[in-house]
Protein backbone atom coordinates (compact mmCIF):
# COMPACT_ATOMS: atom_id res chain seq x y z
CA MET A 1 -20.14 6.19 15.26
CA MET A 2 -18.73 5.51 11.84
CA THR A 3 -16.53 8.60 12.12
CA GLY A 4 -14.96 7.29 15.33
CA PHE A 5 -14.09 3.96 13.69
CA LEU A 6 -12.53 5.63 10.66
CA ARG A 7 -10.61 8.09 12.82
CA ALA A 8 -9.11 5.22 14.84
CA ARG A 9 -8.23 3.29 11.68
CA ASP A 10 -6.68 6.28 9.96
CA LEU A 11 -4.54 7.07 12.99
CA LEU A 12 -3.01 3.59 12.88
CA VAL A 13 -2.42 3.81 9.13
CA ARG A 14 -0.80 7.22 9.57
CA HIS A 15 1.51 5.96 12.33
CA ARG A 16 2.25 2.67 10.58
CA LEU A 17 6.00 3.11 11.13
CA ASP A 18 5.85 4.97 14.45
CA TYR A 19 4.92 2.59 17.24
CA ASP A 20 5.43 5.10 20.05
CA ALA A 21 3.03 7.60 18.48
CA ALA A 22 0.49 4.91 17.62
CA TYR A 23 0.48 3.50 21.14
CA ARG A 24 0.35 6.95 22.74
CA GLU A 25 -2.42 8.41 20.57
CA PHE A 26 -4.67 5.47 19.77
CA SER A 27 -7.90 4.90 21.69
CA TRP A 28 -10.79 2.59 20.95
CA PRO A 29 -13.79 4.30 19.33
CA LYS A 30 -16.86 4.55 21.55
CA LEU A 31 -19.70 2.78 19.74
CA ASP A 32 -23.37 2.37 20.55
CA ASN A 33 -24.91 1.17 17.29
CA PHE A 34 -22.51 -0.41 14.80
CA ASN A 35 -22.73 -3.02 12.08
CA TRP A 36 -19.36 -3.39 10.35
CA ALA A 37 -20.83 -4.95 7.20
CA LEU A 38 -23.49 -2.28 6.74
CA ASP A 39 -21.93 0.83 8.23
CA TYR A 40 -18.33 0.35 7.17
CA PHE A 41 -18.00 -2.25 4.42
CA ASP A 42 -20.96 -1.17 2.27
CA ALA A 43 -20.00 2.49 2.59
CA MET A 44 -16.38 1.74 1.66
CA ALA A 45 -17.49 -0.54 -1.19
CA SER A 46 -19.91 1.89 -2.81
CA GLY A 47 -18.58 2.59 -6.31
CA ASN A 48 -15.30 0.93 -5.32
CA HIS A 49 -14.05 -1.21 -8.21
CA ALA A 50 -10.79 -2.26 -6.56
CA THR A 51 -10.43 -6.00 -6.03
CA ALA A 52 -11.74 -7.13 -2.65
CA LEU A 53 -11.22 -10.88 -3.12
CA PHE A 54 -8.84 -12.72 -5.47
CA VAL A 55 -9.20 -16.52 -5.48
CA VAL A 56 -6.92 -18.78 -7.53
CA ASP A 57 -6.81 -22.58 -7.74
CA GLU A 58 -4.10 -25.05 -8.73
CA ASN A 59 -5.21 -24.89 -12.37
CA ARG A 60 -4.64 -21.12 -12.26
CA VAL A 61 -8.34 -20.41 -12.65
CA GLU A 62 -8.80 -16.90 -11.26
CA ILE A 63 -11.86 -15.28 -9.69
CA LYS A 64 -11.78 -11.59 -8.84
CA VAL A 65 -14.57 -9.80 -7.00
CA THR A 66 -14.55 -6.05 -6.48
CA PHE A 67 -15.65 -4.36 -3.28
CA ALA A 68 -18.77 -3.05 -5.03
CA GLU A 69 -19.60 -6.53 -6.33
CA MET A 70 -19.02 -8.12 -2.93
CA SER A 71 -21.39 -5.62 -1.33
CA GLU A 72 -24.09 -6.39 -3.89
CA ARG A 73 -23.58 -10.17 -3.77
CA SER A 74 -23.77 -10.21 0.02
CA ASN A 75 -27.02 -8.22 -0.18
CA ARG A 76 -28.51 -10.94 -2.36
CA VAL A 77 -27.36 -13.61 0.06
CA ALA A 78 -28.73 -11.64 3.02
CA ASN A 79 -32.15 -11.49 1.34
CA PHE A 80 -31.91 -15.22 0.61
CA LEU A 81 -31.08 -15.97 4.25
CA ARG A 82 -33.90 -13.85 5.61
CA ARG A 83 -36.62 -14.53 3.04
CA ARG A 84 -35.97 -18.13 2.01
CA GLN A 85 -34.28 -19.58 5.12
CA GLY A 86 -36.05 -17.58 7.78
CA VAL A 87 -32.82 -16.36 9.36
CA GLN A 88 -33.50 -13.78 12.03
CA ARG A 89 -31.37 -11.50 14.16
CA GLY A 90 -29.55 -13.59 16.75
CA ASP A 91 -29.98 -16.91 14.92
CA ARG A 92 -26.85 -19.03 14.87
CA ILE A 93 -25.48 -20.21 11.52
CA LEU A 94 -22.95 -23.03 11.29
CA LEU A 95 -20.67 -22.29 8.34
CA MET A 96 -18.54 -25.14 6.99
CA ILE A 97 -17.09 -24.33 3.56
CA ALA A 98 -13.64 -23.83 2.08
CA ASN A 99 -11.87 -20.68 0.90
CA GLU A 100 -14.31 -19.84 -1.89
CA VAL A 101 -16.22 -16.68 -2.74
CA ALA A 102 -19.39 -17.93 -1.01
CA LEU A 103 -17.58 -17.94 2.34
CA TRP A 104 -17.11 -14.17 2.35
CA GLU A 105 -20.59 -13.58 0.86
CA ILE A 106 -22.26 -15.55 3.66
CA LEU A 107 -20.18 -13.91 6.39
CA LEU A 108 -21.11 -10.42 5.23
CA ALA A 109 -24.74 -11.39 4.68
CA ALA A 110 -25.10 -12.89 8.15
CA PHE A 111 -23.45 -9.84 9.70
CA LYS A 112 -25.92 -7.56 7.90
CA ILE A 113 -28.90 -9.49 9.26
CA GLY A 114 -27.48 -9.64 12.76
CA ALA A 115 -27.17 -13.43 12.78
CA VAL A 116 -24.32 -15.14 14.67
CA VAL A 117 -21.84 -17.15 12.58
CA VAL A 118 -20.24 -20.30 13.97
CA PRO A 119 -17.23 -20.96 11.67
CA CYS A 120 -16.23 -24.62 11.40
CA SER A 121 -13.27 -26.42 9.89
CA MET A 122 -13.83 -28.82 6.99
CA LEU A 123 -11.91 -31.39 9.07
CA LEU A 124 -14.58 -31.71 11.74
CA THR A 125 -16.00 -35.16 12.32
CA GLU A 126 -19.63 -36.09 12.82
CA GLU A 127 -19.14 -36.10 16.59
CA ASP A 128 -17.48 -32.67 16.47
CA LEU A 129 -20.47 -31.35 14.56
CA ARG A 130 -22.93 -32.96 16.97
CA ASP A 131 -21.26 -31.05 19.80
CA ARG A 132 -21.39 -27.77 17.89
CA LEU A 133 -25.02 -28.19 16.87
CA ASP A 134 -25.93 -28.88 20.48
CA ARG A 135 -23.84 -26.42 22.49
CA GLY A 136 -23.92 -23.82 19.71
CA ALA A 137 -27.75 -23.90 19.52
CA ILE A 138 -27.51 -23.92 15.72
CA ARG A 139 -30.58 -22.90 13.70
CA HIS A 140 -29.09 -22.98 10.19
CA VAL A 141 -26.29 -24.90 8.46
CA PHE A 142 -24.40 -23.81 5.34
CA ALA A 143 -21.97 -26.53 4.29
CA ALA A 144 -19.96 -27.54 1.24
CA ALA A 145 -21.92 -30.15 -0.70
CA GLU A 146 -19.17 -32.74 -0.22
CA GLN A 147 -19.50 -32.31 3.57
CA SER A 148 -23.27 -32.87 3.68
CA HIS A 149 -22.95 -36.58 4.51
CA LYS A 150 -21.58 -35.68 7.93
CA PHE A 151 -25.00 -34.26 8.86
CA GLU A 152 -27.09 -37.24 7.78
CA ALA A 153 -27.29 -38.76 11.26
CA LEU A 154 -27.45 -35.42 13.08
CA ALA A 155 -31.06 -34.75 13.91
CA GLY A 156 -32.38 -31.29 14.57
CA THR A 157 -34.70 -28.57 13.37
CA TYR A 158 -31.98 -26.55 11.64
CA THR A 159 -32.23 -25.59 7.95
CA ARG A 160 -29.64 -27.05 5.57
CA THR A 161 -28.13 -25.28 2.57
CA ALA A 162 -25.53 -26.88 0.30
CA VAL A 163 -22.80 -24.75 -1.29
CA GLY A 164 -21.64 -26.22 -4.58
CA SER A 165 -23.49 -29.11 -6.22
CA GLU A 166 -27.10 -30.06 -5.50
CA VAL A 167 -27.79 -32.25 -2.45
CA GLN A 168 -31.11 -34.03 -2.04
CA GLY A 169 -33.12 -32.61 0.83
CA TRP A 170 -30.92 -29.51 1.09
CA HIS A 171 -31.55 -25.98 -0.17
CA SER A 172 -29.28 -24.81 -2.98
CA TYR A 173 -27.03 -21.84 -2.29
CA GLN A 174 -27.10 -21.00 -6.00
CA ASP A 175 -30.67 -19.72 -5.55
CA ALA A 176 -29.33 -16.81 -3.50
CA TYR A 177 -28.08 -15.01 -6.61
CA ALA A 178 -31.65 -14.57 -7.90
CA GLU A 179 -32.56 -12.38 -4.93
CA SER A 180 -32.65 -8.59 -4.92
CA ALA A 181 -29.38 -6.69 -4.81
CA HIS A 182 -30.93 -4.18 -2.40
CA PHE A 183 -31.02 -5.08 1.29
CA SER A 184 -32.78 -3.18 4.07
CA PRO A 185 -31.93 -4.13 7.66
CA ASP A 186 -34.80 -4.65 10.07
CA GLY A 187 -33.32 -2.27 12.61
CA LEU A 188 -30.16 -0.94 14.19
CA THR A 189 -27.40 -3.26 15.37
CA ARG A 190 -25.97 -2.68 18.81
CA ALA A 191 -22.16 -2.75 18.84
CA THR A 192 -22.36 -5.27 21.67
CA ASP A 193 -24.70 -7.65 19.80
CA PRO A 194 -23.17 -11.10 19.18
CA LEU A 195 -21.46 -11.65 15.82
CA LEU A 196 -19.19 -14.72 15.89
CA LEU A 197 -19.14 -17.84 18.05
CA TYR A 198 -15.93 -19.86 17.98
CA PHE A 199 -15.18 -23.28 19.38
CA THR A 200 -11.53 -23.34 20.43
CA SER A 201 -9.23 -26.11 19.24
CA GLY A 202 -9.40 -27.93 22.57
CA THR A 203 -5.72 -28.65 23.29
CA THR A 204 -6.42 -29.56 26.92
CA GLY A 205 -9.98 -30.83 26.78
CA ARG A 206 -13.42 -30.09 25.38
CA PRO A 207 -13.47 -27.05 23.08
CA LYS A 208 -14.49 -23.82 24.81
CA LEU A 209 -17.04 -21.41 23.37
CA VAL A 210 -15.82 -17.90 22.58
CA LEU A 211 -18.40 -15.24 21.68
CA HIS A 212 -17.45 -12.02 19.90
CA SER A 213 -19.54 -8.95 19.16
CA HIS A 214 -19.99 -6.50 16.29
CA GLN A 215 -17.22 -4.40 17.80
CA SER A 216 -14.82 -6.86 19.47
CA TYR A 217 -13.63 -8.49 16.24
CA PRO A 218 -14.37 -6.03 13.39
CA VAL A 219 -13.10 -3.03 15.37
CA GLY A 220 -10.71 -4.96 17.59
CA HIS A 221 -8.79 -6.19 14.56
CA LEU A 222 -7.56 -2.68 13.87
CA THR A 223 -4.62 -3.88 15.99
CA THR A 224 -4.10 -6.80 13.60
CA MET A 225 -4.20 -4.46 10.61
CA TYR A 226 -1.58 -2.28 12.31
CA TRP A 227 0.70 -5.20 13.15
CA ILE A 228 0.67 -6.58 9.62
CA GLY A 229 1.25 -3.10 8.22
CA LEU A 230 -1.59 -3.25 5.69
CA GLN A 231 -2.35 -0.37 3.37
CA PRO A 232 -5.01 0.31 0.71
CA GLY A 233 -4.13 -1.55 -2.48
CA ASP A 234 -2.14 -4.30 -0.80
CA VAL A 235 -2.60 -7.89 -1.96
CA HIS A 236 -2.64 -9.85 1.28
CA TRP A 237 -2.30 -13.63 1.55
CA ASN A 238 -3.10 -15.25 4.87
CA ILE A 239 -2.28 -18.95 4.68
CA SER A 240 -5.06 -20.18 6.94
CA SER A 241 -8.02 -22.52 6.81
CA PRO A 242 -11.58 -21.30 7.47
CA GLY A 243 -13.13 -22.28 10.77
CA TRP A 244 -10.54 -20.78 13.08
CA ALA A 245 -10.14 -17.30 14.53
CA LYS A 246 -6.92 -16.70 12.59
CA HIS A 247 -8.98 -16.67 9.39
CA ALA A 248 -11.10 -13.78 10.69
CA TYR A 249 -7.92 -12.07 11.91
CA SER A 250 -6.14 -11.94 8.61
CA SER A 251 -8.46 -13.09 5.81
CA LEU A 252 -11.35 -10.79 6.64
CA PHE A 253 -11.22 -7.93 9.11
CA ALA A 254 -7.57 -6.80 9.00
CA PRO A 255 -7.24 -6.55 5.19
CA TRP A 256 -10.70 -5.14 4.54
CA ASN A 257 -10.32 -2.62 7.37
CA ALA A 258 -7.34 -1.36 5.36
CA GLY A 259 -9.07 -1.53 1.96
CA ALA A 260 -6.64 -4.25 0.86
CA THR A 261 -7.27 -7.28 -1.37
CA VAL A 262 -7.74 -10.68 0.27
CA PHE A 263 -5.79 -13.21 -1.81
CA VAL A 264 -6.42 -16.95 -1.65
CA TYR A 265 -4.56 -19.77 -3.39
CA ASN A 266 -6.37 -23.09 -3.06
CA TYR A 267 -4.29 -26.26 -3.27
CA VAL A 268 -5.00 -29.90 -2.46
CA ARG A 269 -1.55 -30.59 -1.05
CA PHE A 270 0.93 -27.99 0.23
CA SER A 271 4.00 -27.46 -1.91
CA ALA A 272 6.62 -24.89 -0.92
CA SER A 273 7.68 -24.26 -4.52
CA THR A 274 4.06 -23.76 -5.62
CA VAL A 275 3.42 -21.28 -2.82
CA LEU A 276 6.58 -19.35 -3.67
CA ASP A 277 5.64 -19.30 -7.34
CA ALA A 278 2.17 -17.95 -6.45
CA LEU A 279 3.72 -15.20 -4.31
CA CYS A 280 5.63 -14.01 -7.37
CA ARG A 281 3.02 -14.65 -10.07
CA TYR A 282 0.20 -12.80 -8.30
CA SER A 283 2.28 -9.93 -6.90
CA VAL A 284 1.42 -10.57 -3.26
CA THR A 285 2.61 -7.64 -1.15
CA THR A 286 1.90 -8.87 2.39
CA ILE A 287 1.78 -12.38 3.81
CA CYS A 288 0.87 -14.03 7.08
CA ALA A 289 1.84 -17.68 7.51
CA PRO A 290 2.27 -20.03 10.48
CA PRO A 291 5.77 -21.17 11.50
CA THR A 292 5.21 -24.59 9.93
CA VAL A 293 4.79 -22.98 6.51
CA TRP A 294 7.83 -20.75 6.94
CA ARG A 295 9.94 -23.77 7.92
CA MET A 296 8.86 -25.54 4.75
CA LEU A 297 9.45 -22.50 2.54
CA ILE A 298 13.09 -22.15 3.60
CA GLN A 299 13.75 -25.65 2.29
CA GLU A 300 13.60 -24.04 -1.16
CA LYS A 301 16.16 -21.64 -2.62
CA LEU A 302 14.32 -18.47 -1.66
CA ALA A 303 16.65 -16.14 -3.51
CA GLN A 304 15.50 -17.65 -6.81
CA TYR A 305 11.98 -16.32 -6.24
CA PRO A 306 11.67 -12.56 -6.97
CA VAL A 307 8.84 -11.85 -4.55
CA LYS A 308 7.24 -8.40 -4.32
CA LEU A 309 6.58 -8.69 -0.60
CA ARG A 310 6.79 -5.59 1.57
CA GLU A 311 5.61 -7.18 4.82
CA ALA A 312 5.84 -10.73 6.20
CA VAL A 313 4.42 -11.89 9.52
CA SER A 314 4.01 -15.13 11.41
CA ALA A 315 1.54 -16.17 14.09
CA GLY A 316 0.34 -19.23 15.94
CA GLU A 317 3.54 -19.77 17.89
CA PRO A 318 6.85 -17.87 18.06
CA LEU A 319 9.08 -18.38 15.05
CA ASN A 320 12.58 -19.79 15.30
CA PRO A 321 15.39 -17.23 14.76
CA GLU A 322 17.18 -19.27 12.08
CA VAL A 323 14.07 -19.15 9.85
CA ILE A 324 13.93 -15.37 10.20
CA GLU A 325 17.60 -15.11 9.27
CA GLN A 326 17.26 -17.25 6.13
CA VAL A 327 14.33 -15.16 4.86
CA ARG A 328 16.20 -11.94 5.63
CA ALA A 329 19.28 -13.17 3.78
CA ALA A 330 17.27 -14.15 0.69
CA TRP A 331 14.74 -11.31 0.45
CA GLY A 332 16.02 -8.56 2.76
CA LEU A 333 12.73 -8.91 4.64
CA THR A 334 12.23 -9.52 8.36
CA ILE A 335 9.42 -11.86 9.42
CA ARG A 336 7.64 -10.25 12.34
CA ASP A 337 5.92 -12.22 15.10
CA GLY A 338 2.57 -11.42 16.65
CA TYR A 339 0.53 -12.84 19.50
CA GLY A 340 -3.20 -13.07 20.10
CA GLN A 341 -5.87 -15.61 20.96
CA THR A 342 -9.30 -16.68 19.78
CA GLU A 343 -10.57 -14.78 22.80
CA THR A 344 -8.90 -11.53 21.71
CA THR A 345 -7.49 -9.71 18.75
CA LEU A 346 -3.76 -9.05 18.26
CA LEU A 347 -2.40 -8.28 21.74
CA VAL A 348 1.34 -8.13 21.16
CA GLY A 349 3.36 -7.75 17.99
CA ASN A 350 6.32 -6.40 16.08
CA PRO A 351 4.84 -3.69 13.82
CA PRO A 352 6.63 -2.48 10.68
CA GLY A 353 9.68 -0.28 10.99
CA GLN A 354 10.56 -1.28 14.56
CA ILE A 355 13.55 -3.15 15.93
CA VAL A 356 12.80 -6.89 16.01
CA LYS A 357 14.52 -8.71 18.85
CA PRO A 358 15.25 -12.40 18.17
CA GLY A 359 12.78 -14.62 19.99
CA SER A 360 10.46 -11.78 20.98
CA MET A 361 6.81 -11.60 20.05
CA GLY A 362 7.04 -7.81 20.23
CA ARG A 363 5.47 -5.06 22.27
CA VAL A 364 1.92 -4.47 23.47
CA ALA A 365 -0.48 -3.48 20.68
CA PRO A 366 -2.10 -0.03 20.68
CA GLY A 367 -5.25 0.07 22.78
CA TYR A 368 -4.15 -2.68 25.14
CA ARG A 369 -2.42 -2.75 28.51
CA ILE A 370 -0.68 -5.98 29.44
CA VAL A 371 0.57 -6.93 32.88
CA LEU A 372 2.53 -10.01 33.88
CA GLN A 373 1.56 -11.75 37.09
CA PRO A 374 4.07 -11.90 38.76
CA ALA A 375 5.70 -8.84 37.25
CA ASP A 376 9.01 -9.99 35.73
CA GLU A 377 7.97 -13.36 34.40
CA GLY A 378 4.42 -14.56 34.64
CA GLU A 379 1.01 -14.99 33.10
CA VAL A 380 0.05 -12.55 30.35
CA CYS A 381 -3.01 -10.67 31.64
CA VAL A 382 -5.04 -8.05 29.77
CA ASP A 383 -5.88 -5.03 31.92
CA LEU A 384 -9.61 -4.41 31.49
CA SER A 385 -9.68 -1.03 33.22
CA ASN A 386 -9.64 0.87 29.90
CA THR A 387 -12.28 -1.48 28.42
CA PRO A 388 -10.23 -2.80 25.48
CA THR A 389 -12.56 -3.46 22.56
CA GLY A 390 -10.96 -6.63 21.21
CA VAL A 391 -11.74 -8.97 24.12
CA MET A 392 -14.49 -11.59 23.91
CA GLN A 393 -17.83 -11.15 25.61
CA GLY A 394 -18.47 -12.46 29.09
CA VAL A 395 -15.13 -11.51 30.67
CA SER A 396 -15.43 -9.88 34.08
CA GLY A 397 -13.07 -8.69 36.77
CA ASP A 398 -9.96 -6.54 36.52
CA PHE A 399 -8.01 -8.76 34.09
CA TYR A 400 -8.46 -11.28 31.31
CA ARG A 401 -5.99 -14.08 32.04
CA THR A 402 -4.60 -15.61 28.86
CA GLY A 403 -3.04 -18.71 30.42
CA ASP A 404 0.25 -17.94 28.62
CA ILE A 405 3.55 -17.27 30.38
CA ALA A 406 5.99 -14.61 29.15
CA ARG A 407 8.78 -12.37 30.35
CA ARG A 408 9.27 -8.68 29.60
CA ASP A 409 12.63 -6.97 29.06
CA ALA A 410 13.65 -3.40 29.92
CA ASP A 411 12.50 -2.12 26.50
CA GLY A 412 9.00 -3.53 26.87
CA TYR A 413 9.48 -6.51 24.54
CA LEU A 414 7.67 -9.70 25.54
CA PHE A 415 9.18 -13.17 25.15
CA TYR A 416 6.89 -16.19 25.08
CA ILE A 417 7.69 -19.01 27.49
CA GLY A 418 4.71 -21.32 27.13
CA ARG A 419 1.25 -22.21 28.30
CA ALA A 420 0.89 -22.05 32.06
CA ASP A 421 -0.13 -25.70 32.10
CA ASP A 422 2.83 -26.70 29.89
CA VAL A 423 5.65 -25.05 31.86
CA PHE A 424 7.11 -27.46 34.41
CA LYS A 425 9.94 -27.89 36.92
CA ALA A 426 12.89 -30.27 36.65
CA SER A 427 15.44 -30.40 39.51
CA ASP A 428 13.60 -27.32 40.83
CA TYR A 429 14.38 -25.34 37.65
CA ARG A 430 11.54 -23.81 35.65
CA ILE A 431 11.47 -25.33 32.13
CA SER A 432 9.88 -23.76 29.05
CA PRO A 433 8.83 -26.47 26.56
CA PHE A 434 8.72 -23.91 23.77
CA GLU A 435 12.35 -22.90 24.32
CA LEU A 436 13.52 -26.50 24.05
CA GLU A 437 11.25 -27.25 21.10
CA SER A 438 12.64 -24.23 19.26
CA LEU A 439 16.14 -25.55 19.86
CA LEU A 440 15.28 -29.07 18.70
CA VAL A 441 13.81 -27.98 15.36
CA GLU A 442 17.11 -26.32 14.54
CA HIS A 443 18.48 -29.83 14.06
CA PRO A 444 18.09 -30.67 10.34
CA ALA A 445 16.48 -34.06 11.06
CA VAL A 446 13.76 -32.70 13.37
CA ALA A 447 10.56 -31.67 11.63
CA GLU A 448 8.48 -31.22 14.79
CA ALA A 449 9.03 -31.63 18.51
CA ALA A 450 7.02 -31.52 21.72
CA VAL A 451 8.64 -31.42 25.17
CA VAL A 452 6.93 -32.60 28.37
CA PRO A 453 8.12 -33.66 31.84
CA SER A 454 9.03 -37.32 32.28
CA PRO A 455 9.10 -38.69 35.85
CA ASP A 456 12.57 -39.27 37.26
CA PRO A 457 13.43 -40.80 40.67
CA ILE A 458 16.22 -38.30 41.37
CA ARG A 459 15.22 -35.06 39.63
CA THR A 460 11.44 -35.56 40.07
CA ALA A 461 11.11 -34.87 36.34
CA VAL A 462 13.37 -34.41 33.32
CA PRO A 463 12.57 -32.88 29.92
CA LYS A 464 11.56 -35.45 27.34
CA ALA A 465 11.14 -34.71 23.63
CA PHE A 466 8.70 -36.44 21.32
CA ILE A 467 10.14 -36.01 17.84
CA VAL A 468 8.82 -36.26 14.29
CA VAL A 469 11.72 -36.68 11.84
CA GLY A 470 11.89 -34.87 8.53
CA ALA A 471 11.88 -36.35 5.04
CA GLY A 472 14.99 -38.39 4.29
CA TYR A 473 15.72 -39.30 7.91
CA ASP A 474 15.03 -42.59 9.71
CA PRO A 475 14.49 -42.92 13.48
CA CYS A 476 17.40 -44.93 14.86
CA PRO A 477 19.93 -44.97 17.70
CA GLU A 478 22.51 -43.11 15.59
CA LEU A 479 20.08 -40.25 14.98
CA ALA A 480 19.16 -40.15 18.66
CA ARG A 481 22.85 -39.91 19.58
CA ASP A 482 23.32 -37.06 17.11
CA ILE A 483 20.34 -35.14 18.50
CA PHE A 484 21.54 -35.57 22.09
CA THR A 485 25.01 -34.33 21.05
CA PHE A 486 23.41 -31.33 19.31
CA ILE A 487 21.37 -30.49 22.41
CA LYS A 488 24.38 -30.82 24.68
CA ARG A 489 26.27 -28.21 22.64
CA LYS A 490 23.34 -25.81 22.53
CA SER A 491 21.61 -26.05 25.92
CA ALA A 492 22.53 -25.43 29.55
CA PRO A 493 22.74 -28.67 31.59
CA TYR A 494 19.84 -27.85 33.92
CA LYS A 495 17.30 -27.64 31.07
CA ARG A 496 18.75 -30.19 28.68
CA VAL A 497 16.46 -32.75 27.04
CA ARG A 498 17.41 -36.04 28.73
CA ARG A 499 15.06 -38.41 26.92
CA LEU A 500 13.56 -38.55 23.46
CA GLU A 501 11.13 -40.68 21.54
CA PHE A 502 10.51 -40.80 17.80
CA CYS A 503 6.76 -40.88 17.11
CA ASP A 504 3.81 -39.04 15.62
CA LEU A 505 2.38 -36.19 17.70
CA PRO A 506 -1.26 -36.10 18.85
CA LYS A 507 -2.91 -32.95 17.52
CA THR A 508 -6.19 -31.10 17.48
CA ILE A 509 -7.98 -30.66 14.17
CA SER A 510 -6.50 -27.16 13.98
CA GLY A 511 -3.00 -28.66 14.08
CA LYS A 512 -2.06 -27.75 17.65
CA ILE A 513 -0.09 -30.33 19.61
CA ARG A 514 -2.00 -31.97 22.46
CA ARG A 515 0.79 -31.93 25.05
CA LEU A 516 -1.71 -32.99 27.70
CA GLU A 517 -1.88 -36.44 26.10
CA LEU A 518 1.89 -36.71 26.03
CA ARG A 519 2.21 -35.64 29.66
CA LYS A 520 -0.40 -38.17 30.69
CA SER A 521 1.33 -40.93 28.76
CA GLU A 522 4.50 -40.22 30.76
CA GLN A 523 2.76 -39.89 34.12
CA ASP A 524 0.88 -43.15 33.65
CA ARG A 525 4.01 -45.19 33.00
CA ALA A 526 5.02 -47.68 35.66
CA ALA A 527 8.48 -47.54 37.23
CA PRO A 528 10.97 -48.83 36.36
CA PHE A 529 10.28 -47.73 32.81
CA GLU A 530 9.83 -50.22 30.06
CA ARG A 531 11.46 -48.73 27.02
CA ARG A 532 9.34 -48.13 23.98
CA PRO A 533 10.82 -49.29 20.65
CA LEU A 534 12.03 -45.83 19.54
CA GLU A 535 12.71 -44.29 22.95
CA PHE A 536 16.22 -43.29 24.02
CA PHE A 537 17.81 -41.86 27.17
CA GLU A 538 20.81 -39.55 27.24
CA GLU A 539 22.71 -42.09 29.34
CA ASP A 540 22.42 -44.60 26.50
CA PHE A 541 25.20 -42.67 24.79
CA PRO A 542 28.09 -42.04 27.21
CA SER A 543 30.27 -39.20 26.02
């Protein structure tokens, strides 16, 4: 079983710059019994003194842990979980701590036991946690000491362990290090046994539960490793918070599948100059960052930072072409987009060495088959006929429907249009909110934008933009006029934004815009409209 996993990984590493060969030759390994932490990680880590995890804080305090040390430390934690906390195979562990060494120790330890980890953001509220404890059937909680107060009113029979300082009534995580460095599993792990349970960010309603197995994420993220272009010895920085699937994508499975170092820089408040300085100071070779971070980085003079980056990728939403061009001009490096979901691993991407088409999220990842329904422009659907490994448990039928709309060109490149429930019609034309939002953020005053349909007596609906202005700009009629003029020059009349409003955007705790709330706010408005204080119509500014 282990041989099949390594053979699949090595094929993707070997064809790192040859997409056609990788897609043609790759197939998912057939696994019966498989525990990534025991069968792969411990074997890879044995006698391996390369750095597995490199954590730095704002005071430049550095912590480095080798692969061999991480294997041993996670063994101690696994014994602590099983012997002192009573964690058994299949038990669900809620994990709510920041990017610190204990996070990776607990993940590996839980995997070794066969427990199911429920990663949670530090931003969750008491009510969020109540929902997760209930629907997640949580038996054990590991939380940062400073988060323990959120559990005070949450009754239950779960054990509580504090990571960091002592908390009255809670077990101390520090005790784990006194346990034995030798761990013996209580039996074999089936590849299909549950491993991770995620609660989605809930952009359209109550968070959904997504269950992954010992093969769907550890093995499935071979596609993520391939897309990023990771190699042994790389220092990889994924700018992502724990608690979300993207963290497992790029701060755990992808880099460690490649034998690369996971780098973390912990800061209280984001600073573009500090991030750029860290890239240089710590010789980061590969980076994955969301579009918001890239947009902030280009506000600095990138050429003044002699980065050692070989690969740069972006995920979360398609990146605007002007950001890609500024990074290319400064560093000679092309940011490459990728696309996946909590429910899957990397489905589509621009791997290293391939032509990157502006606005495209790339081609289908090795091991996957993607169809669009309908064929030319439609919902992205994963063909399940070849049993792709990296799809969540519980999916049945011929296809997994992603709920995302895309189009495919003659070369097989996919272009993201938007969520199926976000795309709308105006004057009988199909409108992609993402396309208009990408255009809006090209305006120097627009920091963020969300586009939804606004009812109109003639056109049925027209595109309306909710806009957050950037630093140094004030919402006012003059700025609205300038944005409308900018849009008129850049956009075809049928899909032009006709209304805009300056405001804050409603978001999930993971930072995704809740367009459903904005749509509802427009649909619930009485006609004729009563203008809001910072709302403007295109007709307010005759040309």
